Amino acid sequence: MQENSTIKSQFLDFGFSKEINQGIENAGFKVPSPIQEKAIPVIMEGKDLVAQANTGTGKTAAFGLPTMNKIANLKETGLLVITPTRELTSQVADELYTLGKYAGIRTATVYGGSSYSRQLSLISKGAQVVVANPGRLKDLLSSGKLRNFNPQIVVLDEADEMLDMGFLEDIKDIFSYLPKKRQTILCSATMPQPIKNLAAKILNNPVVVSVVDKNDATNKDIKQSYYVIEERERNDALVRLIDHNDPAKAIIFCRMKIEVDRLADALISKGYSAKGLHGDMDQRAREEVIKNFRNSKINILVATDVAARGLDVKDVSHVFNYHIPFDPESYVHRVGRTGRAGNKGHAITLITPIEFKELVRIQKSMGAPLSLESIPSSFELKAKELKSLADEIEKTNIKNEASSILSKLVLEHDSSEIALKAISLLLSKHSSNGPEHIGFSQKEAKNLLEKFQANSKRRDNGRGRRNGRSSDRNRRNGNRSRSRRR
């Protein structure tokens, strides 16, 4: 009883209205997350804010609760939230509606592929919250379709993803149409220099809060592993690791759309519940795939980086990098799809020896190494499956129909033979495919990586010596020139 009152008082301390507190209780929030603890008081005071936190740490509620508390009694739009993707637009709007519905908060979404008239109608009817994509929002503002639009509070959500997707110029244009007198909040998982420059332009003397450890760019609840393979083994390695980890829900990241289609088809043909997601799909198909993934009608999503930007599904247990991404920021965003809302996650990356350069760059940027592991052999996987099957059989409740089937079978077979046949039938559905061994052992991979690092060091030293000799020559030539001039 004492614990409940403590939990309740932590949110009551923020001074929200009883209607907003009711939304918090209805959403099942127990205690404020670190970013909520730091950001909410600043926003309540009306100050501009830069909030840096990893994905899945409660940023939407961190800016949504205090801003909706302020604008609940307005008859027009008081809060504008700009998000990088259509999917994130819908997710943020849904979460804000859930948190604010007892306060009478109405939300409207603005993104491409949907009717202009419906979006404008919802805004004109007094939606206090508008969640928008940069492209459609800029179009509405520049064309004059969105008139008398003066939000008091503007939130730029997932700012680093806006940068990655090429929306920075659109964002600058959008802010030229917004009221100069406003409260502005910028949320981002990472803070590259272009985002810092943007913050300096659109925010007024902001408070900066961060719950990201500079030496740990990713969530500590996420285990990060990598496996060194040959290029030809990529598909077999992925399937073996899916079978070994048995993910409740997983996202597999590919670099190209054609890879997404090919890999999704390959997994479906092997009996996995999988679907692809990429930018060439029409909006209705994309929304259907995401809805089915969120509702667990499919449990493996194969996607490109852009398609999965901002995708917020809280129960993703595993992320697989079919290829290692080219830059650390993309790696952070991919990995951030798992380990959300306090859950544990596992990020798995496949690399070949020629991709060691990307691996070293990512490890250096994150300040923490990924764990080198070896892919389980076919024998190891089979042993795990047998143990899992034995546990499953032991826990299974006996159904009434089983007795009638058994009574028929005992007329021709003894009970041990029947049991063995039943187990064999189950085993045929748990067969592990692929070669006995896939990829390099930990020892082999470690030796290859050490050789790569030693060669890189020699090349760097060689460049340094050449640059030094070049500098010496330049100095000597300069001295000779000065002597001739004298």
Protein backbone atom coordinates (compact mmCIF):
# COMPACT_ATOMS: atom_id res chain seq x y z
CA MET A 1 0.00 0.00 0.00
CA GLN A 2 2.88 2.29 0.87
CA GLU A 3 4.54 1.53 -2.51
CA ASN A 4 1.41 2.55 -4.44
CA SER A 5 1.15 5.87 -2.61
CA THR A 6 4.85 6.55 -3.30
CA ILE A 7 4.40 5.83 -7.00
CA LYS A 8 1.33 8.03 -7.16
CA SER A 9 3.01 10.91 -5.32
CA GLN A 10 5.94 10.96 -7.77
CA PHE A 11 3.63 11.96 -10.61
CA LEU A 12 1.49 14.18 -8.36
CA ASP A 13 4.63 16.18 -7.55
CA PHE A 14 4.65 17.51 -11.12
CA GLY A 15 1.41 19.39 -10.46
CA PHE A 16 -0.62 18.04 -13.39
CA SER A 17 -4.39 18.41 -13.53
CA LYS A 18 -6.46 15.53 -12.20
CA GLU A 19 -7.50 14.69 -15.78
CA ILE A 20 -3.87 14.35 -16.94
CA ASN A 21 -3.11 12.27 -13.83
CA GLN A 22 -6.03 10.04 -14.76
CA GLY A 23 -4.47 9.53 -18.20
CA ILE A 24 -1.15 8.61 -16.57
CA GLU A 25 -2.89 6.06 -14.35
CA ASN A 26 -4.88 4.65 -17.26
CA ALA A 27 -1.66 4.25 -19.30
CA GLY A 28 -0.21 2.11 -16.52
CA PHE A 29 2.76 4.35 -15.75
CA LYS A 30 4.35 3.41 -12.43
CA VAL A 31 7.27 5.78 -11.90
CA PRO A 32 8.68 8.58 -14.07
CA SER A 33 11.55 7.53 -16.31
CA PRO A 34 14.85 9.47 -16.00
CA ILE A 35 14.09 11.68 -19.02
CA GLN A 36 10.61 12.41 -17.64
CA GLU A 37 12.04 13.35 -14.25
CA LYS A 38 14.46 15.81 -15.84
CA ALA A 39 12.39 17.22 -18.71
CA ILE A 40 8.90 17.68 -17.23
CA PRO A 41 9.80 20.37 -14.62
CA VAL A 42 11.67 22.40 -17.29
CA ILE A 43 8.71 22.26 -19.70
CA MET A 44 6.26 23.13 -16.91
CA GLU A 45 8.29 26.29 -16.26
CA GLY A 46 7.83 27.32 -19.91
CA LYS A 47 11.51 27.10 -20.85
CA ASP A 48 12.89 25.89 -24.17
CA LEU A 49 14.46 22.46 -23.92
CA VAL A 50 16.93 20.14 -25.65
CA ALA A 51 16.23 16.59 -24.45
CA GLN A 52 18.70 13.83 -25.32
CA ALA A 53 17.70 10.26 -24.55
CA ASN A 54 17.85 6.88 -26.25
CA THR A 55 14.76 5.63 -28.03
CA GLY A 56 12.21 3.81 -25.91
CA THR A 57 12.90 5.82 -22.74
CA GLY A 58 9.58 7.67 -22.49
CA LYS A 59 10.33 10.85 -24.46
CA THR A 60 6.79 11.18 -25.83
CA ALA A 61 5.27 11.29 -22.34
CA ALA A 62 8.15 13.53 -21.18
CA PHE A 63 7.08 16.30 -23.56
CA GLY A 64 3.44 15.26 -23.98
CA LEU A 65 2.24 15.32 -20.36
CA PRO A 66 3.41 18.85 -19.42
CA THR A 67 2.49 20.41 -22.78
CA MET A 68 -1.04 18.93 -22.82
CA ASN A 69 -1.47 20.02 -19.21
CA LYS A 70 -0.87 23.60 -20.47
CA ILE A 71 -3.09 23.59 -23.55
CA ALA A 72 -6.04 21.43 -22.45
CA ASN A 73 -8.50 24.36 -22.30
CA LEU A 74 -7.61 25.82 -25.71
CA LYS A 75 -10.12 25.80 -28.57
CA GLU A 76 -7.41 25.73 -31.26
CA THR A 77 -4.07 24.04 -31.85
CA GLY A 78 -1.69 24.71 -28.98
CA LEU A 79 0.86 21.93 -29.54
CA LEU A 80 2.61 21.00 -32.78
CA VAL A 81 4.79 17.89 -32.81
CA ILE A 82 6.97 17.34 -35.91
CA THR A 83 8.05 13.73 -36.50
CA PRO A 84 10.19 12.19 -39.27
CA THR A 85 7.95 9.35 -40.52
CA ARG A 86 4.28 8.60 -41.11
CA GLU A 87 4.44 5.62 -38.78
CA LEU A 88 5.90 7.66 -35.94
CA THR A 89 3.34 10.40 -36.57
CA SER A 90 0.51 7.92 -35.97
CA GLN A 91 2.24 6.37 -32.94
CA VAL A 92 2.90 9.70 -31.23
CA ALA A 93 -0.64 10.92 -31.94
CA ASP A 94 -2.12 7.72 -30.48
CA GLU A 95 0.02 7.95 -27.32
CA LEU A 96 -0.80 11.62 -26.79
CA TYR A 97 -4.51 10.90 -27.24
CA THR A 98 -4.35 8.08 -24.68
CA LEU A 99 -2.58 10.29 -22.14
CA GLY A 100 -4.76 13.33 -22.75
CA LYS A 101 -8.24 11.95 -23.47
CA TYR A 102 -9.58 12.58 -19.94
CA ALA A 103 -8.52 16.22 -20.34
CA GLY A 104 -10.53 16.44 -23.58
CA ILE A 105 -7.42 16.54 -25.80
CA ARG A 106 -8.15 16.04 -29.50
CA THR A 107 -5.34 15.11 -31.88
CA ALA A 108 -4.91 15.42 -35.64
CA THR A 109 -2.26 13.88 -37.86
CA VAL A 110 -0.73 15.50 -40.93
CA TYR A 111 1.23 13.36 -43.39
CA GLY A 112 1.40 12.55 -47.09
CA GLY A 113 -0.78 9.91 -48.70
CA SER A 114 -3.92 10.98 -46.81
CA SER A 115 -6.69 13.44 -47.65
CA TYR A 116 -5.83 17.15 -47.36
CA SER A 117 -9.44 18.05 -46.60
CA ARG A 118 -9.80 15.61 -43.70
CA GLN A 119 -6.57 16.77 -42.09
CA LEU A 120 -7.50 20.44 -42.44
CA SER A 121 -11.02 19.76 -41.17
CA LEU A 122 -9.75 18.15 -37.94
CA ILE A 123 -7.41 21.08 -37.32
CA SER A 124 -10.10 23.71 -38.03
CA LYS A 125 -12.49 21.92 -35.64
CA GLY A 126 -10.11 22.62 -32.77
CA ALA A 127 -7.64 19.77 -32.42
CA GLN A 128 -5.39 21.00 -29.63
CA VAL A 129 -2.54 18.69 -30.75
CA VAL A 130 -1.25 18.35 -34.31
CA VAL A 131 1.37 15.68 -35.06
CA ALA A 132 2.89 16.21 -38.50
CA ASN A 133 5.40 15.00 -41.06
CA PRO A 134 7.76 17.70 -42.41
CA GLY A 135 6.83 17.24 -46.09
CA ARG A 136 3.03 17.58 -45.81
CA LEU A 137 3.27 20.26 -43.08
CA LYS A 138 5.58 22.42 -45.19
CA ASP A 139 3.21 21.98 -48.14
CA LEU A 140 0.18 23.10 -46.11
CA LEU A 141 1.99 26.11 -44.65
CA SER A 142 3.66 27.33 -47.84
CA SER A 143 0.48 26.96 -49.92
CA GLY A 144 -1.60 28.93 -47.41
CA LYS A 145 -4.00 26.04 -46.82
CA LEU A 146 -3.21 26.06 -43.11
CA ARG A 147 -4.24 29.53 -41.93
CA ASN A 148 -4.23 31.11 -38.47
CA PHE A 149 -1.99 28.31 -37.29
CA ASN A 150 -0.25 29.59 -34.17
CA PRO A 151 0.81 26.77 -31.85
CA GLN A 152 2.15 27.96 -28.49
CA ILE A 153 4.45 24.95 -28.15
CA VAL A 154 6.46 23.22 -30.90
CA VAL A 155 8.23 19.89 -30.44
CA LEU A 156 10.81 18.60 -32.90
CA ASP A 157 10.86 14.86 -32.18
CA GLU A 158 13.67 12.48 -33.27
CA ALA A 159 15.66 15.41 -34.67
CA ASP A 160 18.66 13.28 -35.64
CA GLU A 161 16.42 11.05 -37.73
CA MET A 162 15.11 14.17 -39.49
CA LEU A 163 18.72 14.95 -40.37
CA ASP A 164 19.42 11.41 -41.63
CA MET A 165 16.32 11.51 -43.83
CA GLY A 166 17.23 14.85 -45.41
CA PHE A 167 14.50 16.97 -43.78
CA LEU A 168 16.75 19.64 -42.27
CA GLU A 169 15.99 22.32 -44.88
CA ASP A 170 12.26 21.56 -44.68
CA ILE A 171 12.42 22.01 -40.89
CA LYS A 172 14.11 25.40 -41.28
CA ASP A 173 11.39 26.47 -43.76
CA ILE A 174 8.60 25.26 -41.44
CA PHE A 175 9.91 27.31 -38.52
CA SER A 176 9.80 30.46 -40.68
CA TYR A 177 5.98 30.10 -40.73
CA LEU A 178 5.59 29.47 -36.99
CA PRO A 179 5.08 32.14 -34.29
CA LYS A 180 8.29 33.72 -33.05
CA LYS A 181 6.92 33.75 -29.53
CA ARG A 182 6.64 30.10 -28.62
CA GLN A 183 8.08 27.37 -26.41
CA THR A 184 10.29 25.01 -28.41
CA ILE A 185 11.41 21.52 -27.45
CA LEU A 186 13.96 19.48 -29.40
CA CYS A 187 14.26 15.73 -28.73
CA SER A 188 17.05 13.59 -30.13
CA ALA A 189 18.90 10.36 -29.36
CA THR A 190 22.19 11.71 -30.73
CA MET A 191 23.46 15.27 -31.15
CA PRO A 192 25.50 15.60 -34.36
CA GLN A 193 26.80 19.09 -35.18
CA PRO A 194 24.04 19.98 -37.71
CA ILE A 195 21.41 19.33 -34.99
CA LYS A 196 23.34 21.50 -32.53
CA ASN A 197 23.41 24.25 -35.17
CA LEU A 198 19.66 23.89 -35.75
CA ALA A 199 18.98 24.03 -32.00
CA ALA A 200 20.95 27.29 -31.77
CA LYS A 201 18.69 28.81 -34.45
CA ILE A 202 15.22 27.67 -33.34
CA LEU A 203 15.51 27.59 -29.54
CA ASN A 204 15.81 30.49 -27.12
CA ASN A 205 18.36 29.97 -24.33
CA PRO A 206 17.37 26.30 -23.92
CA VAL A 207 17.91 24.07 -20.92
CA VAL A 208 19.79 20.92 -21.99
CA VAL A 209 18.95 17.64 -20.27
CA SER A 210 20.49 14.28 -21.15
CA VAL A 211 20.13 10.75 -19.86
CA VAL A 212 22.63 9.34 -22.37
CA ASP A 213 26.01 8.24 -21.04
CA LYS A 214 28.63 9.71 -23.38
CA ASN A 215 30.56 6.45 -23.12
CA ASP A 216 27.52 4.28 -23.84
CA ALA A 217 25.44 5.39 -26.81
CA THR A 218 23.02 2.50 -26.56
CA ASN A 219 20.63 1.22 -23.92
CA LYS A 220 22.27 -0.89 -21.19
CA ASP A 221 19.32 -3.28 -21.34
CA ILE A 222 20.44 -4.36 -24.82
CA LYS A 223 22.94 -7.19 -25.24
CA GLN A 224 25.03 -6.59 -28.38
CA SER A 225 26.72 -9.45 -30.24
CA TYR A 226 28.46 -9.87 -33.57
CA TYR A 227 29.33 -12.93 -35.64
CA VAL A 228 32.04 -13.13 -38.30
CA ILE A 229 31.00 -15.05 -41.40
CA GLU A 230 31.80 -15.52 -45.08
CA GLU A 231 29.59 -13.52 -47.43
CA ARG A 232 28.05 -16.70 -48.91
CA GLU A 233 26.97 -17.82 -45.40
CA ARG A 234 24.83 -14.78 -44.63
CA ASN A 235 21.41 -16.42 -45.13
CA ASP A 236 22.34 -19.66 -43.35
CA ALA A 237 23.83 -17.67 -40.46
CA LEU A 238 20.69 -15.56 -40.06
CA VAL A 239 18.37 -18.59 -40.07
CA ARG A 240 20.58 -20.47 -37.58
CA LEU A 241 20.61 -17.47 -35.22
CA ILE A 242 16.85 -17.00 -35.49
CA ASP A 243 16.34 -20.67 -34.62
CA HIS A 244 18.84 -20.50 -31.76
CA ASN A 245 17.47 -17.29 -30.20
CA ASP A 246 13.79 -18.02 -30.93
CA PRO A 247 12.81 -14.30 -30.88
CA ALA A 248 9.36 -13.35 -29.65
CA LYS A 249 9.42 -10.45 -32.11
CA ALA A 250 12.35 -9.38 -34.30
CA ILE A 251 13.36 -6.75 -36.85
CA ILE A 252 15.94 -7.69 -39.49
CA PHE A 253 17.67 -4.68 -41.06
CA CYS A 254 18.83 -4.73 -44.68
CA ARG A 255 20.63 -2.03 -46.66
CA MET A 256 18.53 -2.22 -49.84
CA LYS A 257 14.85 -2.66 -50.75
CA ILE A 258 15.64 -5.56 -53.10
CA GLU A 259 17.32 -7.38 -50.19
CA VAL A 260 14.22 -6.86 -48.03
CA ASP A 261 11.95 -8.51 -50.62
CA ARG A 262 14.35 -11.38 -51.30
CA LEU A 263 15.01 -12.13 -47.63
CA ALA A 264 11.36 -11.83 -46.56
CA ASP A 265 10.35 -14.27 -49.32
CA ALA A 266 13.14 -16.68 -48.30
CA LEU A 267 12.04 -16.66 -44.64
CA ILE A 268 8.36 -17.11 -45.53
CA SER A 269 9.27 -20.10 -47.74
CA LYS A 270 10.98 -21.70 -44.71
CA GLY A 271 7.84 -21.30 -42.62
CA TYR A 272 8.71 -18.17 -40.64
CA SER A 273 6.03 -15.56 -39.92
CA ALA A 274 7.74 -12.69 -41.73
CA LYS A 275 6.95 -9.63 -43.86
CA GLY A 276 9.01 -6.96 -45.60
CA LEU A 277 8.79 -3.19 -45.11
CA HIS A 278 10.36 -0.57 -47.40
CA GLY A 279 9.71 2.75 -49.11
CA ASP A 280 8.45 1.35 -52.42
CA MET A 281 5.35 -0.12 -50.73
CA ASP A 282 2.20 2.02 -50.82
CA GLN A 283 1.02 3.60 -47.60
CA ARG A 284 -1.87 1.19 -47.01
CA ALA A 285 0.40 -1.85 -47.38
CA ARG A 286 2.99 -0.34 -45.02
CA GLU A 287 0.38 0.42 -42.38
CA GLU A 288 -1.03 -3.11 -42.66
CA VAL A 289 2.40 -4.70 -42.17
CA ILE A 290 3.17 -2.51 -39.13
CA LYS A 291 -0.26 -3.19 -37.62
CA ASN A 292 0.20 -6.96 -38.03
CA PHE A 293 3.70 -6.76 -36.54
CA ARG A 294 2.50 -4.72 -33.58
CA ASN A 295 -0.42 -7.14 -33.00
CA SER A 296 1.95 -10.17 -33.30
CA LYS A 297 0.19 -11.56 -36.37
CA ILE A 298 3.72 -11.62 -37.80
CA ASN A 299 6.78 -11.82 -35.57
CA ILE A 300 9.63 -11.05 -37.99
CA LEU A 301 9.84 -7.72 -39.82
CA VAL A 302 12.46 -7.36 -42.57
CA ALA A 303 13.07 -3.65 -43.18
CA THR A 304 15.33 -0.93 -44.54
CA ASP A 305 16.65 1.77 -42.21
CA VAL A 306 14.35 4.44 -43.63
CA ALA A 307 11.23 2.26 -43.42
CA ALA A 308 11.87 1.45 -39.76
CA ARG A 309 12.73 5.01 -38.69
CA GLY A 310 10.78 5.90 -35.58
CA LEU A 311 9.04 2.52 -35.45
CA ASP A 312 7.93 2.16 -31.83
CA VAL A 313 7.00 -1.43 -30.94
CA LYS A 314 7.75 -2.04 -27.28
CA ASP A 315 8.02 -5.85 -27.31
CA VAL A 316 10.74 -6.32 -29.97
CA SER A 317 13.07 -8.86 -28.35
CA HIS A 318 15.75 -9.00 -31.08
CA VAL A 319 17.28 -6.85 -33.78
CA PHE A 320 19.33 -8.54 -36.52
CA ASN A 321 21.71 -6.52 -38.70
CA TYR A 322 21.84 -8.57 -41.90
CA HIS A 323 24.63 -6.19 -42.90
CA ILE A 324 26.47 -3.92 -40.49
CA PRO A 325 25.38 -0.30 -41.10
CA PHE A 326 27.84 2.17 -42.62
CA ASP A 327 27.82 4.65 -39.73
CA PRO A 328 27.50 4.59 -35.93
CA GLU A 329 24.33 6.71 -35.90
CA SER A 330 22.46 4.17 -38.01
CA TYR A 331 23.67 1.41 -35.71
CA VAL A 332 22.36 3.26 -32.64
CA HIS A 333 18.97 3.78 -34.28
CA ARG A 334 18.68 0.14 -35.36
CA VAL A 335 19.67 -1.22 -31.97
CA GLY A 336 17.25 1.19 -30.29
CA ARG A 337 14.28 -0.70 -31.76
CA THR A 338 14.75 -3.33 -29.03
CA GLY A 339 15.16 -3.05 -25.25
CA ARG A 340 12.38 -0.47 -25.05
CA ALA A 341 10.22 0.55 -22.08
CA GLY A 342 12.44 -1.26 -19.58
CA ASN A 343 12.47 -4.58 -21.47
CA LYS A 344 15.63 -6.54 -22.24
CA GLY A 345 16.77 -6.76 -25.85
CA HIS A 346 19.42 -8.44 -28.00
CA ALA A 347 21.08 -6.87 -31.05
CA ILE A 348 22.87 -9.29 -33.39
CA THR A 349 25.16 -8.19 -36.23
CA LEU A 350 26.56 -10.28 -39.08
CA ILE A 351 29.88 -9.10 -40.53
CA THR A 352 32.52 -10.40 -42.93
CA PRO A 353 36.27 -9.74 -42.43
CA ILE A 354 36.19 -6.95 -45.04
CA GLU A 355 33.62 -5.13 -42.85
CA PHE A 356 35.94 -4.92 -39.80
CA LYS A 357 36.49 -1.23 -40.57
CA GLU A 358 32.81 -0.44 -39.91
CA LEU A 359 32.86 -2.59 -36.77
CA VAL A 360 35.87 -0.75 -35.32
CA ARG A 361 34.31 2.64 -36.16
CA ILE A 362 31.05 1.72 -34.39
CA GLN A 363 32.83 0.32 -31.32
CA LYS A 364 34.99 3.44 -31.05
CA SER A 365 31.99 5.75 -31.38
CA MET A 366 29.96 3.86 -28.76
CA GLY A 367 32.85 3.59 -26.30
CA ALA A 368 31.97 -0.04 -25.56
CA PRO A 369 32.79 -3.21 -27.51
CA LEU A 370 30.26 -5.52 -29.08
CA SER A 371 30.62 -9.10 -27.86
CA LEU A 372 32.25 -11.50 -30.34
CA GLU A 373 30.43 -14.82 -30.48
CA SER A 374 30.39 -17.90 -32.71
CA ILE A 375 27.31 -19.27 -34.45
CA PRO A 376 25.99 -22.47 -32.81
CA SER A 377 26.68 -25.66 -34.74
CA SER A 378 23.87 -27.79 -36.08
CA PHE A 379 24.62 -30.28 -33.28
CA GLU A 380 24.38 -27.58 -30.58
CA LEU A 381 21.12 -26.30 -32.00
CA LYS A 382 19.67 -29.81 -32.13
CA ALA A 383 20.63 -30.40 -28.46
CA LYS A 384 18.92 -27.16 -27.46
CA GLU A 385 15.80 -28.05 -29.45
CA LEU A 386 15.63 -31.50 -27.80
CA LYS A 387 15.82 -29.98 -24.32
CA SER A 388 13.23 -27.39 -25.23
CA LEU A 389 10.95 -30.10 -26.66
CA ALA A 390 11.33 -32.24 -23.52
CA ASP A 391 10.40 -29.25 -21.34
CA GLU A 392 7.44 -28.50 -23.61
CA ILE A 393 6.16 -32.10 -23.42
CA GLU A 394 6.53 -32.13 -19.63
CA LYS A 395 4.50 -28.93 -19.23
CA THR A 396 1.74 -29.90 -21.70
CA ASN A 397 -1.70 -30.63 -20.24
CA ILE A 398 -3.31 -33.86 -21.47
CA LYS A 399 -6.40 -33.22 -23.60
CA ASN A 400 -9.48 -35.44 -23.57
CA GLU A 401 -9.05 -36.30 -27.25
CA ALA A 402 -5.60 -37.76 -26.51
CA SER A 403 -7.15 -40.61 -24.51
CA SER A 404 -9.37 -41.73 -27.39
CA ILE A 405 -6.44 -41.65 -29.86
CA LEU A 406 -4.27 -43.62 -27.43
CA SER A 407 -6.97 -46.30 -26.91
CA LYS A 408 -7.06 -46.92 -30.67
CA LEU A 409 -3.27 -47.05 -31.03
CA VAL A 410 -2.64 -49.48 -28.14
CA LEU A 411 -4.56 -52.14 -30.04
CA GLU A 412 -1.63 -52.43 -32.48
CA HIS A 413 1.37 -50.84 -30.66
CA ASP A 414 2.81 -50.84 -27.16
CA SER A 415 2.86 -47.57 -25.19
CA SER A 416 6.62 -46.93 -25.50
CA GLU A 417 6.44 -47.26 -29.30
CA ILE A 418 3.50 -44.84 -29.42
CA ALA A 419 5.40 -42.32 -27.29
CA LEU A 420 8.48 -42.61 -29.51
CA LYS A 421 6.42 -42.12 -32.66
CA ALA A 422 4.71 -39.04 -31.15
CA ILE A 423 8.07 -37.51 -30.16
CA SER A 424 9.51 -38.29 -33.61
CA LEU A 425 6.56 -36.49 -35.20
CA LEU A 426 7.28 -33.43 -33.07
CA LEU A 427 11.00 -33.62 -33.87
CA SER A 428 10.29 -33.54 -37.59
CA LYS A 429 8.76 -30.09 -37.03
CA HIS A 430 11.84 -28.90 -35.12
CA SER A 431 14.49 -29.94 -37.63
CA SER A 432 17.54 -27.66 -37.86
CA ASN A 433 18.68 -26.84 -41.39
CA GLY A 434 21.94 -25.70 -42.89
CA PRO A 435 25.52 -26.92 -42.65
CA GLU A 436 27.05 -28.25 -39.42
CA HIS A 437 29.31 -25.20 -38.96
CA ILE A 438 28.66 -21.62 -40.10
CA GLY A 439 31.05 -18.69 -39.83
CA PHE A 440 34.36 -18.36 -38.01
CA SER A 441 34.99 -19.63 -34.49
CA GLN A 442 35.65 -17.01 -31.82
CA LYS A 443 39.37 -17.81 -31.89
CA GLU A 444 39.57 -17.56 -35.69
CA ALA A 445 37.55 -14.32 -35.77
CA LYS A 446 39.64 -12.78 -32.99
CA ASN A 447 42.87 -13.59 -34.87
CA LEU A 448 41.48 -12.04 -38.07
CA LEU A 449 40.42 -8.89 -36.21
CA GLU A 450 43.80 -8.55 -34.50
CA LYS A 451 45.56 -8.86 -37.88
CA PHE A 452 43.27 -6.19 -39.33
CA GLN A 453 43.98 -3.84 -36.42
CA ALA A 454 47.75 -4.45 -36.66
CA ASN A 455 47.72 -3.74 -40.42
CA SER A 456 45.64 -0.59 -39.87
CA LYS A 457 48.13 0.62 -37.26
CA ARG A 458 51.07 0.00 -39.63
CA ARG A 459 49.30 1.90 -42.42
CA ASP A 460 48.58 4.82 -40.07
CA ASN A 461 52.21 4.89 -38.88
CA GLY A 462 53.39 4.72 -42.48
CA ARG A 463 51.25 7.70 -43.43
CA GLY A 464 52.57 9.57 -40.40
CA ARG A 465 56.21 8.93 -41.39
CA ARG A 466 55.53 9.93 -45.01
CA ASN A 467 53.81 13.12 -43.84
CA GLY A 468 56.78 13.79 -41.52
CA ARG A 469 59.29 13.33 -44.36
CA SER A 470 57.16 15.59 -46.55
CA SER A 471 57.16 18.26 -43.85
CA ASP A 472 60.96 17.99 -43.50
CA ARG A 473 61.39 18.39 -47.27
CA ASN A 474 59.09 21.41 -47.22
CA ARG A 475 61.08 22.98 -44.38
CA ARG A 476 64.41 22.32 -46.17
CA ASN A 477 63.05 23.71 -49.43
CA GLY A 478 61.76 26.73 -47.58
CA ASN A 479 65.16 27.35 -46.00
CA ARG A 480 66.87 27.10 -49.41
CA SER A 481 64.38 29.56 -50.88
CA ARG A 482 64.98 32.04 -48.07
CA SER A 483 68.78 31.64 -48.55
CA ARG A 484 68.46 32.41 -52.27
CA ARG A 485 66.28 35.45 -51.51
CA ARG A 486 68.88 36.74 -49.08
